[in-house]
Amino acid sequence: MKNGRLPTIGPSIFSIANNQNFLVPPKDSVSPNHHNYLSNPTATTLSSALQHFINSDTPFHGQKIHTHIIKSGFSPNTNVSIKLLILHLKSGCLKYASQMFDELPQQTLSAYNYLIGGYLKHGRVEESLGLVRRMVYAGEKPDGFTFSMILKASACGSNRVVLPRLLGRVAHAQMVKLDVEPDEVLYTALVDSYVKNGKVGYARTIFDMMLEKNVICSTALITGYMNNGLIEEAEDVFSKTIEKDVVVFNAMIEGFSKSVETAKKGLKVFVDMQRLNFWPNISTFASVIGACSVLSAVEIGQQVQGQLMKTEYFMDIKIGSALVDMHAKCGKIVDARRVFDYMPEKNVFTWTSMIDGYGKNGNPNEALELFHVMQECCVEPNYVTFLSALSACGHAGLLAKGREIFESMERDYSMKPKVEHYACMVDLLGRAGHLDQAWELAMGMPEKPNSEVWAALLSSCRLHGDAQMASIAADELFKLNADSRPGAFVGLSNALAAAGKWDGVSELREIMKVRGILKETACSWVGTECGY
């Protein structure tokens, strides 16, 4: 029936063959005042009974009223029909709601709005927008609720849903044109739409127009600023938000946790919110653990873990995965594995974090062993999992194993390798001394090699003293962006030096000096009592 004709609603829809009392709802589902709709159905009694089910936790029980209406031949008025539509929406039966809408004697604005909202709630964005177009063609004028739904839809764009270009801005223009008076809901929807479509400046303009700024608007704007690296603007909005909640604190902590320069501020906000009696939720803890990962702040991470162990969140798969990742990035691979083994449920992100942690902490064999166990547990690897496994093969020098994993991506999982996977294979072949094969793989890629591929080849050329191929790889790197890859100059210089071509080394060093190209000095984080 997926693409077939919508079935007509009839008594058979609600299977009642073995239930002689099908018209009598469960005792706890209807109050005594609503039983008279069975013996003497009127628009008033049916409307009252339907409203009772709409307001209840079990609206699907009210669908029996629809069966009763059909069997009795009662002709519902518009009010009862719309309540039946709402009842089916609340029960999650979109096809029955849509049929009720089509059978309405007069499709009112409120009926359109209910169905548009229902489609949107269930992720049917394109259908909801199609209904908006149908409404406009029918001569109905959208109201504030309609526009709030359109704006909500404009923020739902993804690879699966292609939305009209500039949908949010078009909706905003129509609001102004039709003189729709914006309320708090519309303002919030506008801010959220502009933020999610990358127009933070427009979002701020709308935000500043609001007489009373609610915390939902503030949170949306803060998220937009943080995603665009505008930290000071986000802090300004946060400081001016009077009525704060956990979500707005989470927006600040998550934004701060993305960068090593601001992660400490995220930890401070985490402490401040608890001093103000706001209790952290799962999202809070996940962001704080992320900040600890960025800072390699293992001691603070352990304190957060201790706090988590006193809550019901500790067993959550999202928190467990974040803890595994944090311990691994802090070099505590044994602690990471302990959390991993303790988790009652694991997803692909949990497995990937543990595999990647083993690889980056000098345990490539354990990483590959865990990758094999993951496959035996029927957990399908993603692109990052394969990248971690290939990287582990590179560290262990396991060329045959790496080749097998690389080929299995498309053969066993129908996943076409990305540039990053090709870069790993070029590095693996190059380290093993198969420079010609590495070159052939780079040249045979389905897309043009990027800087990571050429950097991997250049590093291998330096390792094995192939100055000619190193010059070609470095030249390709310089074409992509010479100034952002100072390591390419150093790598080529080292390759020339290894081959004894000192004139070339001197010439290259002189070019670097003239252009002011310097390779950044490496650094390490060291924990102290004063900070990092």
Protein backbone atom coordinates (compact mmCIF):
# COMPACT_ATOMS: atom_id res chain seq x y z
CA MET A 1 0.00 0.00 0.00
CA LYS A 2 3.03 2.28 0.08
CA ASN A 3 2.30 3.75 -3.34
CA GLY A 4 -1.27 2.52 -3.68
CA ARG A 5 -4.64 4.16 -3.28
CA LEU A 6 -5.52 5.43 0.17
CA PRO A 7 -8.00 2.97 1.70
CA THR A 8 -11.42 4.17 2.74
CA ILE A 9 -11.95 4.27 6.47
CA GLY A 10 -14.39 1.59 7.52
CA PRO A 11 -15.18 -0.58 10.51
CA SER A 12 -12.76 -3.27 9.34
CA ILE A 13 -9.84 -0.92 9.90
CA PHE A 14 -10.27 -1.37 13.63
CA SER A 15 -10.20 -5.14 13.97
CA ILE A 16 -13.16 -6.00 16.22
CA ALA A 17 -14.30 -9.39 15.01
CA ASN A 18 -13.50 -11.05 18.32
CA ASN A 19 -14.58 -8.19 20.55
CA GLN A 20 -18.34 -7.94 21.07
CA ASN A 21 -17.95 -4.85 23.26
CA PHE A 22 -15.84 -2.89 20.79
CA LEU A 23 -17.96 0.26 21.17
CA VAL A 24 -17.39 0.35 24.92
CA PRO A 25 -14.02 2.01 25.60
CA PRO A 26 -11.79 0.78 28.42
CA LYS A 27 -13.02 1.89 31.83
CA ASP A 28 -9.97 4.04 32.44
CA SER A 29 -10.05 5.71 29.03
CA VAL A 30 -13.38 7.59 29.14
CA SER A 31 -15.08 9.38 31.99
CA PRO A 32 -18.72 8.42 32.73
CA ASN A 33 -19.93 11.71 31.25
CA HIS A 34 -18.87 10.62 27.78
CA HIS A 35 -20.77 7.31 27.49
CA ASN A 36 -23.98 8.93 26.21
CA TYR A 37 -22.44 9.54 22.77
CA LEU A 38 -23.06 5.84 22.08
CA SER A 39 -26.80 5.77 22.72
CA ASN A 40 -27.65 9.30 21.57
CA PRO A 41 -24.94 10.65 19.25
CA THR A 42 -25.14 14.39 18.65
CA ALA A 43 -22.58 16.88 17.44
CA THR A 44 -22.17 18.14 21.00
CA THR A 45 -21.69 14.76 22.69
CA LEU A 46 -19.35 13.49 19.97
CA SER A 47 -17.33 16.70 20.07
CA SER A 48 -17.00 16.43 23.85
CA ALA A 49 -15.98 12.75 23.70
CA LEU A 50 -13.44 13.39 20.94
CA GLN A 51 -11.94 16.29 22.88
CA HIS A 52 -11.55 14.01 25.90
CA PHE A 53 -9.49 11.53 23.85
CA ILE A 54 -7.50 14.31 22.17
CA ASN A 55 -6.45 15.55 25.62
CA SER A 56 -5.68 12.05 26.92
CA ASP A 57 -2.47 10.03 26.84
CA THR A 58 -4.19 7.37 24.70
CA PRO A 59 -5.84 9.27 21.83
CA PHE A 60 -5.91 6.14 19.64
CA HIS A 61 -8.73 4.75 21.82
CA GLY A 62 -10.89 7.54 20.43
CA GLN A 63 -10.64 6.12 16.93
CA LYS A 64 -13.47 3.78 17.96
CA ILE A 65 -15.72 6.84 17.90
CA HIS A 66 -14.98 7.21 14.22
CA THR A 67 -15.97 3.59 13.67
CA HIS A 68 -19.22 4.23 15.57
CA ILE A 69 -19.94 7.33 13.43
CA ILE A 70 -19.47 5.33 10.21
CA LYS A 71 -21.60 2.39 11.39
CA SER A 72 -24.41 4.60 12.69
CA GLY A 73 -24.56 6.70 9.52
CA PHE A 74 -24.22 9.91 11.53
CA SER A 75 -23.21 12.92 9.40
CA PRO A 76 -20.62 14.93 11.38
CA ASN A 77 -20.47 18.69 11.10
CA THR A 78 -17.25 20.64 10.44
CA ASN A 79 -16.38 20.89 14.13
CA VAL A 80 -16.62 17.12 14.70
CA SER A 81 -14.76 16.41 11.43
CA ILE A 82 -11.86 18.67 12.43
CA LYS A 83 -11.70 17.02 15.85
CA LEU A 84 -11.54 13.63 14.13
CA LEU A 85 -8.68 14.98 12.02
CA ILE A 86 -6.85 16.17 15.17
CA LEU A 87 -7.52 12.80 16.86
CA HIS A 88 -5.93 10.88 13.97
CA LEU A 89 -2.95 13.26 13.96
CA LYS A 90 -2.40 12.75 17.68
CA SER A 91 -2.64 9.00 17.13
CA GLY A 92 0.03 9.20 14.42
CA CYS A 93 -2.35 8.10 11.62
CA LEU A 94 -1.49 10.64 8.93
CA LYS A 95 -3.30 8.83 6.13
CA TYR A 96 -6.61 8.85 8.05
CA ALA A 97 -6.10 12.50 9.02
CA SER A 98 -5.44 13.34 5.37
CA GLN A 99 -8.59 11.47 4.30
CA MET A 100 -10.67 13.33 6.90
CA PHE A 101 -9.25 16.60 5.56
CA ASP A 102 -10.18 15.69 1.98
CA GLU A 103 -13.74 14.78 3.06
CA LEU A 104 -14.35 18.08 4.88
CA PRO A 105 -17.28 19.99 3.39
CA GLN A 106 -15.22 23.16 3.84
CA GLN A 107 -11.44 23.06 4.27
CA THR A 108 -10.87 25.86 6.73
CA LEU A 109 -7.63 27.61 7.62
CA SER A 110 -7.52 25.83 10.99
CA ALA A 111 -7.88 22.45 9.23
CA TYR A 112 -5.02 23.30 6.90
CA ASN A 113 -2.87 24.39 9.84
CA TYR A 114 -3.55 21.21 11.83
CA LEU A 115 -2.59 18.97 8.91
CA ILE A 116 0.47 21.06 7.97
CA GLY A 117 1.66 20.84 11.58
CA GLY A 118 0.99 17.09 11.65
CA TYR A 119 3.01 16.44 8.51
CA LEU A 120 5.87 18.53 9.88
CA LYS A 121 5.84 16.79 13.27
CA HIS A 122 6.30 13.43 11.53
CA GLY A 123 9.15 14.69 9.32
CA ARG A 124 7.05 14.95 6.15
CA VAL A 125 8.47 18.36 5.22
CA GLU A 126 7.77 18.25 1.49
CA GLU A 127 4.14 17.19 2.04
CA SER A 128 3.62 20.02 4.54
CA LEU A 129 4.93 22.60 2.06
CA GLY A 130 2.78 21.07 -0.68
CA LEU A 131 -0.24 21.57 1.56
CA VAL A 132 0.75 25.21 2.07
CA ARG A 133 0.79 25.72 -1.70
CA ARG A 134 -2.59 23.98 -1.97
CA MET A 135 -3.97 26.29 0.71
CA VAL A 136 -2.77 29.43 -1.08
CA TYR A 137 -4.19 28.21 -4.41
CA ALA A 138 -7.52 27.63 -2.66
CA GLY A 139 -7.59 31.32 -1.67
CA GLU A 140 -6.84 30.90 2.05
CA LYS A 141 -4.64 33.57 3.61
CA PRO A 142 -1.85 32.12 5.81
CA ASP A 143 -1.84 33.30 9.41
CA GLY A 144 0.91 33.48 12.01
CA PHE A 145 0.67 29.77 12.84
CA THR A 146 1.01 28.85 9.14
CA PHE A 147 4.12 30.99 8.81
CA SER A 148 5.62 29.52 11.98
CA MET A 149 5.25 26.06 10.39
CA ILE A 150 6.83 27.25 7.12
CA LEU A 151 9.75 28.73 9.03
CA LYS A 152 10.14 25.53 11.00
CA ALA A 153 10.19 23.61 7.71
CA SER A 154 12.85 25.97 6.31
CA ALA A 155 15.18 24.92 9.14
CA CYS A 156 14.77 21.20 8.32
CA GLY A 157 16.86 21.06 5.14
CA SER A 158 19.08 18.00 4.68
CA ASN A 159 20.50 15.76 2.00
CA ARG A 160 17.20 13.85 1.93
CA VAL A 161 14.95 16.92 1.76
CA VAL A 162 15.54 19.56 -0.90
CA LEU A 163 13.78 22.79 0.08
CA PRO A 164 13.01 25.83 -2.05
CA ARG A 165 15.91 28.28 -2.09
CA LEU A 166 15.69 31.05 0.52
CA LEU A 167 12.42 29.62 1.88
CA GLY A 168 12.79 31.36 5.25
CA ARG A 169 13.45 34.77 3.68
CA VAL A 170 10.53 34.36 1.27
CA ALA A 171 8.24 33.48 4.19
CA HIS A 172 9.48 36.52 6.10
CA ALA A 173 8.82 38.77 3.09
CA GLN A 174 5.28 37.38 2.76
CA MET A 175 4.66 38.02 6.46
CA VAL A 176 5.55 41.67 5.96
CA LYS A 177 3.53 41.89 2.73
CA LEU A 178 0.41 40.35 4.33
CA ASP A 179 0.87 42.48 7.46
CA VAL A 180 1.01 39.45 9.77
CA GLU A 181 1.64 40.69 13.29
CA PRO A 182 4.59 38.70 14.65
CA ASP A 183 4.30 37.28 18.15
CA GLU A 184 6.87 35.53 20.36
CA VAL A 185 6.41 32.23 18.50
CA LEU A 186 6.95 33.83 15.08
CA TYR A 187 9.97 35.82 16.23
CA THR A 188 11.51 32.64 17.65
CA ALA A 189 10.81 30.72 14.44
CA LEU A 190 12.38 33.53 12.36
CA VAL A 191 15.53 33.64 14.48
CA ASP A 192 15.89 29.84 14.37
CA SER A 193 15.32 29.73 10.60
CA TYR A 194 17.92 32.40 9.86
CA VAL A 195 20.44 30.80 12.21
CA LYS A 196 20.06 27.33 10.68
CA ASN A 197 20.42 28.79 7.20
CA GLY A 198 23.65 30.57 8.13
CA LYS A 199 22.20 34.12 8.20
CA VAL A 200 23.21 35.02 11.75
CA GLY A 201 23.20 38.77 10.99
CA TYR A 202 19.55 38.64 9.93
CA ALA A 203 18.78 36.56 13.02
CA ARG A 204 20.34 39.24 15.24
CA THR A 205 18.27 41.95 13.55
CA ILE A 206 15.06 40.04 14.33
CA PHE A 207 16.30 39.34 17.86
CA ASP A 208 16.91 43.03 18.51
CA MET A 209 13.37 43.86 17.31
CA MET A 210 11.84 41.75 20.07
CA LEU A 211 10.50 43.69 23.01
CA GLU A 212 10.73 40.65 25.30
CA LYS A 213 13.57 38.28 24.44
CA ASN A 214 12.85 34.70 25.48
CA VAL A 215 15.45 32.10 26.34
CA ILE A 216 14.62 29.97 23.26
CA CYS A 217 15.53 32.85 20.94
CA SER A 218 18.68 33.57 22.92
CA THR A 219 19.73 29.92 22.72
CA ALA A 220 19.19 29.78 18.95
CA LEU A 221 21.22 32.96 18.42
CA ILE A 222 24.02 31.80 20.74
CA THR A 223 24.23 28.52 18.79
CA GLY A 224 24.45 30.45 15.54
CA TYR A 225 27.23 32.68 16.83
CA MET A 226 29.18 29.73 18.24
CA ASN A 227 28.91 27.79 14.96
CA ASN A 228 30.35 30.78 13.13
CA GLY A 229 33.18 31.32 15.63
CA LEU A 230 31.71 34.58 16.95
CA ILE A 231 32.48 33.86 20.60
CA GLU A 232 32.23 37.41 21.95
CA GLU A 233 28.80 37.97 20.37
CA ALA A 234 27.57 34.70 21.89
CA GLU A 235 28.87 35.73 25.32
CA ASP A 236 27.12 39.11 24.95
CA VAL A 237 23.74 37.49 24.23
CA PHE A 238 24.23 35.01 27.08
CA SER A 239 25.07 37.73 29.60
CA LYS A 240 21.93 39.67 28.62
CA THR A 241 19.66 36.61 28.91
CA ILE A 242 17.83 37.14 32.18
CA GLU A 243 15.67 33.99 32.36
CA LYS A 244 18.26 31.26 31.80
CA ASP A 245 17.64 27.50 31.58
CA VAL A 246 19.77 24.37 31.20
CA VAL A 247 19.53 24.50 27.39
CA VAL A 248 21.09 27.96 27.09
CA PHE A 249 23.94 26.88 29.40
CA ASN A 250 24.40 23.81 27.19
CA ALA A 251 24.65 26.00 24.09
CA MET A 252 27.50 27.97 25.69
CA ILE A 253 29.34 24.88 26.96
CA GLU A 254 29.05 23.08 23.61
CA GLY A 255 30.25 26.14 21.71
CA PHE A 256 33.24 26.63 24.02
CA SER A 257 34.17 22.94 23.96
CA LYS A 258 34.98 22.94 20.23
CA SER A 259 38.24 24.86 20.53
CA VAL A 260 41.29 24.51 22.74
CA GLU A 261 41.36 28.31 23.16
CA THR A 262 37.87 28.42 24.70
CA ALA A 263 37.39 24.96 26.25
CA LYS A 264 38.37 26.20 29.73
CA LYS A 265 35.54 28.74 29.54
CA GLY A 266 33.17 25.84 28.92
CA LEU A 267 34.33 24.17 32.14
CA LYS A 268 33.78 27.43 34.02
CA VAL A 269 30.21 27.74 32.68
CA PHE A 270 29.64 24.12 33.77
CA VAL A 271 30.65 25.02 37.35
CA ASP A 272 28.66 28.28 37.31
CA MET A 273 25.41 26.64 36.20
CA GLN A 274 25.55 24.21 39.11
CA ARG A 275 26.23 27.04 41.54
CA LEU A 276 23.02 28.62 40.21
CA ASN A 277 21.16 25.34 40.92
CA PHE A 278 20.80 24.22 37.30
CA TRP A 279 21.29 20.46 37.16
CA PRO A 280 23.29 19.19 34.13
CA ASN A 281 21.60 16.82 31.68
CA ILE A 282 23.04 14.35 29.16
CA SER A 283 23.88 17.08 26.64
CA THR A 284 25.69 19.08 29.34
CA PHE A 285 27.87 16.16 30.37
CA ALA A 286 28.61 15.19 26.76
CA SER A 287 29.84 18.73 25.99
CA VAL A 288 31.91 18.95 29.18
CA ILE A 289 33.57 15.62 28.42
CA GLY A 290 34.30 16.99 24.95
CA ALA A 291 35.98 20.03 26.51
CA CYS A 292 38.13 17.72 28.66
CA SER A 293 39.12 15.83 25.50
CA VAL A 294 40.18 19.02 23.74
CA LEU A 295 42.24 20.13 26.74
CA SER A 296 43.55 16.62 27.52
CA ALA A 297 42.32 17.46 31.02
CA VAL A 298 42.18 13.90 32.27
CA GLU A 299 41.86 14.76 35.99
CA ILE A 300 38.85 17.02 35.38
CA GLY A 301 37.42 14.36 33.10
CA GLN A 302 37.73 11.81 35.89
CA GLN A 303 35.92 14.15 38.28
CA VAL A 304 33.11 14.56 35.75
CA GLN A 305 32.97 10.78 35.36
CA GLY A 306 32.71 10.44 39.15
CA GLN A 307 29.79 12.87 39.14
CA LEU A 308 28.18 10.94 36.29
CA MET A 309 28.41 7.64 38.15
CA LYS A 310 25.96 9.07 40.71
CA THR A 311 23.35 9.68 38.02
CA GLU A 312 21.25 7.57 35.65
CA TYR A 313 23.14 9.10 32.71
CA PHE A 314 26.25 7.00 33.26
CA MET A 315 24.74 4.01 31.43
CA ASP A 316 23.69 6.13 28.44
CA ILE A 317 25.38 5.15 25.18
CA LYS A 318 26.11 8.78 24.25
CA ILE A 319 27.89 9.43 27.55
CA GLY A 320 29.79 6.14 27.43
CA SER A 321 31.04 6.87 23.91
CA ALA A 322 32.15 10.36 24.96
CA LEU A 323 34.04 8.96 27.97
CA VAL A 324 35.80 6.35 25.81
CA ASP A 325 36.85 9.09 23.40
CA MET A 326 37.99 11.39 26.21
CA HIS A 327 40.15 8.78 27.97
CA ALA A 328 41.68 7.69 24.66
CA LYS A 329 42.55 11.26 23.65
CA CYS A 330 44.09 11.85 27.07
CA GLY A 331 46.31 8.77 26.61
CA LYS A 332 44.46 6.71 29.24
CA ILE A 333 43.75 3.79 26.92
CA VAL A 334 43.29 1.29 29.78
CA ASP A 335 40.61 3.52 31.34
CA ALA A 336 39.00 3.92 27.91
CA ARG A 337 38.80 0.14 27.51
CA ARG A 338 37.42 -0.24 31.03
CA VAL A 339 34.54 2.15 30.22
CA PHE A 340 34.08 0.43 26.84
CA ASP A 341 33.77 -3.03 28.43
CA TYR A 342 31.41 -1.71 31.13
CA MET A 343 28.93 -0.28 28.61
CA PRO A 344 25.81 -2.49 28.30
CA GLU A 345 25.14 -1.19 24.79
CA LYS A 346 27.54 0.09 22.13
CA ASN A 347 27.00 1.75 18.77
CA VAL A 348 29.33 2.32 15.82
CA PHE A 349 30.65 5.55 17.40
CA THR A 350 31.65 3.70 20.58
CA TRP A 351 33.55 1.05 18.63
CA THR A 352 35.17 3.65 16.39
CA SER A 353 36.35 5.75 19.35
CA MET A 354 37.97 2.70 20.96
CA ILE A 355 39.61 1.52 17.70
CA ASP A 356 40.88 5.02 16.96
CA GLY A 357 42.15 5.37 20.52
CA TYR A 358 44.17 2.17 20.27
CA GLY A 359 45.67 3.25 16.96
CA LYS A 360 46.66 6.73 18.13
CA ASN A 361 48.12 5.46 21.42
CA GLY A 362 50.54 3.05 19.78
CA ASN A 363 48.45 -0.12 19.99
CA PRO A 364 47.72 -0.89 16.31
CA ASN A 365 47.37 -4.64 16.83
CA GLU A 366 44.71 -4.15 19.51
CA ALA A 367 42.93 -1.70 17.20
CA LEU A 368 42.77 -4.22 14.37
CA GLU A 369 41.72 -7.01 16.72
CA LEU A 370 38.86 -4.86 18.00
CA PHE A 371 37.91 -3.96 14.42
CA HIS A 372 37.60 -7.68 13.70
CA VAL A 373 35.49 -8.24 16.84
CA MET A 374 33.25 -5.34 15.81
CA GLN A 375 32.56 -7.01 12.47
CA GLU A 376 31.84 -10.33 14.20
CA CYS A 377 29.29 -8.52 16.38
CA CYS A 378 27.51 -7.43 13.18
CA VAL A 379 28.15 -3.73 13.82
CA GLU A 380 28.59 -2.10 10.43
CA PRO A 381 31.67 0.17 10.30
CA ASN A 382 31.34 3.73 9.03
CA TYR A 383 33.86 5.81 7.06
CA VAL A 384 35.68 6.95 10.22
CA THR A 385 35.96 3.36 11.47
CA PHE A 386 37.67 2.31 8.23
CA LEU A 387 39.94 5.36 8.43
CA SER A 388 41.00 4.39 11.97
CA ALA A 389 41.62 0.76 10.93
CA LEU A 390 43.70 1.80 7.90
CA SER A 391 45.68 4.21 10.07
CA ALA A 392 46.39 1.38 12.53
CA CYS A 393 47.64 -0.76 9.63
CA GLY A 394 49.96 2.09 8.66
CA HIS A 395 51.42 2.31 12.18
CA ALA A 396 51.91 -1.46 12.33
CA GLY A 397 53.25 -1.74 8.79
CA LEU A 398 50.60 -4.31 7.88
CA LEU A 399 50.35 -3.72 4.14
CA ALA A 400 48.38 -6.87 3.25
CA LYS A 401 45.86 -6.30 6.05
CA GLY A 402 45.47 -2.65 5.07
CA ARG A 403 44.87 -3.57 1.45
CA GLU A 404 42.25 -6.14 2.51
CA ILE A 405 40.41 -3.58 4.68
CA PHE A 406 40.55 -0.97 1.90
CA GLU A 407 39.13 -3.35 -0.69
CA SER A 408 36.44 -4.61 1.70
CA MET A 409 34.88 -1.15 1.96
CA GLU A 410 33.27 -1.33 -1.46
CA ARG A 411 33.16 -5.12 -1.76
CA ASP A 412 31.45 -5.92 1.55
CA TYR A 413 29.79 -2.64 2.58
CA SER A 414 29.14 -0.81 -0.72
CA MET A 415 31.09 2.18 0.61
CA LYS A 416 33.23 3.97 -1.92
CA PRO A 417 36.56 5.00 -0.31
CA LYS A 418 36.98 8.74 0.17
CA VAL A 419 40.10 10.84 -0.37
CA GLU A 420 41.12 10.29 3.26
CA HIS A 421 41.12 6.50 2.79
CA TYR A 422 43.22 6.82 -0.37
CA ALA A 423 45.68 9.03 1.56
CA CYS A 424 46.00 6.27 4.20
CA MET A 425 46.66 3.65 1.53
CA VAL A 426 49.23 5.87 -0.23
CA ASP A 427 50.95 6.33 3.13
CA LEU A 428 50.81 2.58 3.85
CA LEU A 429 52.27 1.65 0.44
CA GLY A 430 54.87 4.40 0.67
CA ARG A 431 56.07 3.41 4.14
CA ALA A 432 56.48 -0.17 2.90
CA GLY A 433 58.74 1.10 0.11
CA HIS A 434 56.23 0.54 -2.72
CA LEU A 435 56.50 4.11 -4.03
CA ASP A 436 55.52 3.20 -7.59
CA GLN A 437 52.33 1.51 -6.38
CA ALA A 438 51.58 4.50 -4.13
CA TRP A 439 52.00 6.79 -7.14
CA GLU A 440 49.73 4.61 -9.30
CA LEU A 441 47.05 4.57 -6.60
CA ALA A 442 47.17 8.37 -6.31
CA MET A 443 46.91 8.76 -10.08
CA GLY A 444 44.05 6.25 -10.29
CA MET A 445 41.82 7.94 -7.71
CA PRO A 446 38.27 8.72 -8.86
CA GLU A 447 38.78 12.34 -7.81
CA LYS A 448 41.75 14.67 -7.84
CA PRO A 449 44.27 13.96 -5.03
CA ASN A 450 44.23 16.52 -2.25
CA SER A 451 47.04 17.84 -0.08
CA GLU A 452 46.81 14.88 2.34
CA VAL A 453 47.53 12.40 -0.45
CA TRP A 454 50.51 14.37 -1.75
CA ALA A 455 51.81 14.95 1.79
CA ALA A 456 51.69 11.18 2.46
CA LEU A 457 53.61 10.49 -0.76
CA LEU A 458 56.17 13.22 0.01
CA SER A 459 56.77 11.80 3.49
CA SER A 460 57.37 8.33 2.03
CA CYS A 461 59.76 9.74 -0.58
CA ARG A 462 61.78 11.40 2.17
CA LEU A 463 61.83 8.13 4.11
CA HIS A 464 63.20 6.17 1.15
CA GLY A 465 65.33 8.92 -0.41
CA ASP A 466 63.45 9.31 -3.71
CA ALA A 467 64.22 12.96 -4.47
CA GLN A 468 62.66 12.92 -7.95
CA MET A 469 59.22 11.75 -6.82
CA ALA A 470 59.49 13.99 -3.75
CA SER A 471 59.92 17.00 -6.06
CA ILE A 472 56.78 16.04 -8.01
CA ALA A 473 54.73 15.50 -4.84
CA ALA A 474 55.95 18.77 -3.32
CA ASP A 475 55.20 20.64 -6.55
CA GLU A 476 51.60 19.35 -6.45
CA LEU A 477 51.33 20.45 -2.83
CA PHE A 478 52.60 23.92 -3.69
CA LYS A 479 50.01 24.19 -6.47
CA LEU A 480 47.22 23.51 -4.01
CA ASN A 481 48.40 26.03 -1.40
CA ALA A 482 52.06 26.58 -0.68
CA ASP A 483 51.69 29.02 2.21
CA SER A 484 49.43 26.72 4.26
CA ARG A 485 51.78 23.74 3.93
CA PRO A 486 55.17 24.80 5.34
CA GLY A 487 55.76 21.13 6.16
CA ALA A 488 55.90 20.41 2.42
CA PHE A 489 58.98 22.64 2.07
CA VAL A 490 60.63 20.95 5.03
CA GLY A 491 59.70 17.49 3.73
CA LEU A 492 61.15 18.23 0.29
CA SER A 493 64.24 19.74 1.86
CA ASN A 494 64.77 16.58 3.95
CA ALA A 495 64.25 14.36 0.90
CA LEU A 496 66.83 16.33 -1.08
CA ALA A 497 69.26 16.19 1.84
CA ALA A 498 68.78 12.40 2.17
CA ALA A 499 69.65 12.09 -1.54
CA GLY A 500 72.75 14.29 -1.08
CA LYS A 501 71.43 17.15 -3.25
CA TRP A 502 72.64 19.97 -1.03
CA ASP A 503 72.39 22.65 -3.69
CA GLY A 504 68.69 21.96 -3.93
CA VAL A 505 68.40 22.14 -0.15
CA SER A 506 70.08 25.55 -0.03
CA GLU A 507 67.90 26.88 -2.83
CA LEU A 508 64.73 25.66 -1.15
CA ARG A 509 65.71 27.13 2.22
CA GLU A 510 66.36 30.48 0.52
CA ILE A 511 62.88 30.41 -1.07
CA MET A 512 61.35 29.74 2.35
CA LYS A 513 63.29 32.65 3.84
CA VAL A 514 62.22 35.07 1.11
CA ARG A 515 58.56 34.08 1.39
CA GLY A 516 58.66 34.15 5.19
CA ILE A 517 57.50 30.54 5.42
CA LEU A 518 58.11 29.00 8.83
CA LYS A 519 57.09 25.61 10.13
CA GLU A 520 55.22 26.02 13.41
CA THR A 521 56.99 24.64 16.45
CA ALA A 522 55.27 21.61 17.93
CA CYS A 523 54.00 21.75 21.50
CA SER A 524 52.56 19.47 24.15
CA TRP A 525 49.98 20.03 26.87
CA VAL A 526 51.19 19.49 30.40
CA GLY A 527 48.77 19.50 33.31
CA THR A 528 49.72 21.64 36.34
CA GLU A 529 47.97 22.86 39.45
CA CYS A 530 47.54 26.27 37.83
CA GLY A 531 46.02 25.07 34.56
CA TYR A 532 47.32 24.06 31.18
